[in-house]
Amino acid sequence: MDSRRVNPVIGEYFDKKISEGKHYNTARCAAAKKLIRIIWSVEKNKRPFQIPE
């Protein structure tokens, strides 16, 4: 499943990288790295991820 469709935080970040002129694969890797940082933070802090409004 594509995390950009499920998680608006990742989708917005990906779109931001594309609008900056980054190549598709570069933007995809940057979005994956952001997702990894979110997962690490959730595990470290033992709190559920909440999508900001």
N, C-alpha and C. Protein backbone atom coordinates (compact mmCIF):
# COMPACT_ATOMS: atom_id res chain seq x y z
N MET A 1 0.84 -1.18 0.00
CA MET A 1 0.00 0.00 0.00
C MET A 1 0.89 1.24 0.00
N ASP A 2 0.48 2.24 -0.69
CA ASP A 2 1.24 3.47 -0.81
C ASP A 2 0.98 4.36 0.39
N SER A 3 2.02 4.66 1.16
CA SER A 3 1.85 5.45 2.38
C SER A 3 1.44 6.89 2.09
N ARG A 4 1.70 7.36 0.88
CA ARG A 4 1.30 8.73 0.54
C ARG A 4 -0.20 8.89 0.53
N ARG A 5 -0.92 7.84 0.17
CA ARG A 5 -2.39 7.91 0.14
C ARG A 5 -2.99 7.74 1.52
N VAL A 6 -2.30 7.00 2.39
CA VAL A 6 -2.83 6.69 3.71
C VAL A 6 -2.46 7.76 4.72
N ASN A 7 -1.25 8.26 4.64
CA ASN A 7 -0.74 9.21 5.63
C ASN A 7 -0.55 10.57 4.96
N PRO A 8 -1.40 11.55 5.30
CA PRO A 8 -1.27 12.86 4.64
C PRO A 8 0.05 13.57 4.95
N VAL A 9 0.67 13.28 6.08
CA VAL A 9 1.96 13.90 6.41
C VAL A 9 3.01 13.49 5.38
N ILE A 10 3.05 12.21 5.06
CA ILE A 10 4.02 11.71 4.08
C ILE A 10 3.67 12.22 2.69
N GLY A 11 2.39 12.26 2.36
CA GLY A 11 1.95 12.75 1.06
C GLY A 11 2.34 14.20 0.83
N GLU A 12 2.11 15.03 1.83
CA GLU A 12 2.47 16.45 1.71
C GLU A 12 3.98 16.62 1.58
N TYR A 13 4.74 15.82 2.34
CA TYR A 13 6.19 15.90 2.29
C TYR A 13 6.70 15.50 0.90
N PHE A 14 6.13 14.41 0.35
CA PHE A 14 6.50 13.96 -0.98
C PHE A 14 6.19 15.04 -2.02
N ASP A 15 4.99 15.61 -1.95
CA ASP A 15 4.61 16.67 -2.89
C ASP A 15 5.52 17.88 -2.77
N LYS A 16 5.94 18.20 -1.54
CA LYS A 16 6.85 19.33 -1.33
C LYS A 16 8.18 19.08 -2.02
N LYS A 17 8.69 17.85 -1.90
CA LYS A 17 9.97 17.52 -2.54
C LYS A 17 9.85 17.57 -4.07
N ILE A 18 8.75 17.09 -4.59
CA ILE A 18 8.53 17.15 -6.05
C ILE A 18 8.46 18.61 -6.50
N SER A 19 7.76 19.46 -5.73
CA SER A 19 7.65 20.87 -6.12
C SER A 19 8.98 21.60 -6.01
N GLU A 20 9.90 21.07 -5.20
CA GLU A 20 11.25 21.64 -5.11
C GLU A 20 12.11 21.26 -6.31
N GLY A 21 11.56 20.38 -7.16
CA GLY A 21 12.29 19.99 -8.36
C GLY A 21 13.09 18.71 -8.19
N LYS A 22 12.84 17.99 -7.11
CA LYS A 22 13.55 16.73 -6.88
C LYS A 22 13.04 15.67 -7.85
N HIS A 23 13.89 14.74 -8.20
CA HIS A 23 13.51 13.61 -9.04
C HIS A 23 12.54 12.74 -8.25
N TYR A 24 11.68 12.00 -8.96
CA TYR A 24 10.67 11.15 -8.32
C TYR A 24 11.30 10.19 -7.32
N ASN A 25 12.37 9.51 -7.71
CA ASN A 25 12.99 8.54 -6.81
C ASN A 25 13.63 9.20 -5.60
N THR A 26 14.18 10.38 -5.77
CA THR A 26 14.76 11.13 -4.66
C THR A 26 13.67 11.53 -3.68
N ALA A 27 12.55 12.01 -4.20
CA ALA A 27 11.42 12.40 -3.33
C ALA A 27 10.86 11.17 -2.62
N ARG A 28 10.81 10.06 -3.31
CA ARG A 28 10.29 8.82 -2.71
C ARG A 28 11.20 8.36 -1.58
N CYS A 29 12.49 8.42 -1.77
CA CYS A 29 13.43 8.03 -0.71
C CYS A 29 13.36 8.99 0.47
N ALA A 30 13.20 10.28 0.20
CA ALA A 30 13.07 11.25 1.29
C ALA A 30 11.80 10.99 2.09
N ALA A 31 10.72 10.65 1.42
CA ALA A 31 9.46 10.35 2.11
C ALA A 31 9.61 9.07 2.93
N ALA A 32 10.32 8.08 2.41
CA ALA A 32 10.54 6.85 3.16
C ALA A 32 11.37 7.12 4.41
N LYS A 33 12.37 7.98 4.27
CA LYS A 33 13.20 8.34 5.41
C LYS A 33 12.38 9.05 6.47
N LYS A 34 11.46 9.92 6.06
CA LYS A 34 10.59 10.61 7.01
C LYS A 34 9.69 9.61 7.72
N LEU A 35 9.17 8.64 6.98
CA LEU A 35 8.32 7.61 7.59
C LEU A 35 9.11 6.81 8.62
N ILE A 36 10.36 6.50 8.33
CA ILE A 36 11.21 5.78 9.28
C ILE A 36 11.42 6.61 10.54
N ARG A 37 11.63 7.92 10.38
CA ARG A 37 11.80 8.78 11.56
C ARG A 37 10.53 8.83 12.40
N ILE A 38 9.37 8.84 11.75
CA ILE A 38 8.09 8.83 12.48
C ILE A 38 7.95 7.52 13.25
N ILE A 39 8.24 6.40 12.60
CA ILE A 39 8.13 5.09 13.25
C ILE A 39 9.09 5.02 14.44
N TRP A 40 10.31 5.48 14.27
CA TRP A 40 11.29 5.46 15.35
C TRP A 40 10.81 6.30 16.53
N SER A 41 10.25 7.46 16.26
CA SER A 41 9.75 8.33 17.32
C SER A 41 8.59 7.69 18.07
N VAL A 42 7.69 7.05 17.34
CA VAL A 42 6.55 6.37 17.97
C VAL A 42 7.06 5.26 18.90
N GLU A 43 8.02 4.48 18.43
CA GLU A 43 8.56 3.40 19.25
C GLU A 43 9.32 3.93 20.46
N LYS A 44 10.11 4.96 20.27
CA LYS A 44 10.92 5.51 21.34
C LYS A 44 10.06 6.12 22.43
N ASN A 45 9.05 6.87 22.04
CA ASN A 45 8.22 7.59 23.01
C ASN A 45 7.02 6.79 23.50
N LYS A 46 6.78 5.62 22.90
CA LYS A 46 5.67 4.76 23.29
C LYS A 46 4.33 5.48 23.25
N ARG A 47 4.16 6.32 22.24
CA ARG A 47 2.90 7.05 22.04
C ARG A 47 2.41 6.78 20.63
N PRO A 48 1.09 6.72 20.45
CA PRO A 48 0.57 6.50 19.10
C PRO A 48 0.80 7.72 18.20
N PHE A 49 0.94 7.46 16.93
CA PHE A 49 1.10 8.54 15.95
C PHE A 49 -0.24 9.20 15.71
N GLN A 50 -0.26 10.51 15.82
CA GLN A 50 -1.47 11.27 15.55
C GLN A 50 -1.20 12.22 14.39
N ILE A 51 -2.09 12.17 13.42
CA ILE A 51 -1.94 13.04 12.26
C ILE A 51 -2.34 14.45 12.68
N PRO A 52 -1.44 15.43 12.52
CA PRO A 52 -1.78 16.81 12.89
C PRO A 52 -2.89 17.36 12.01
N GLU A 53 -3.72 18.15 12.60
CA GLU A 53 -4.86 18.71 11.85
C GLU A 53 -4.55 20.04 11.23
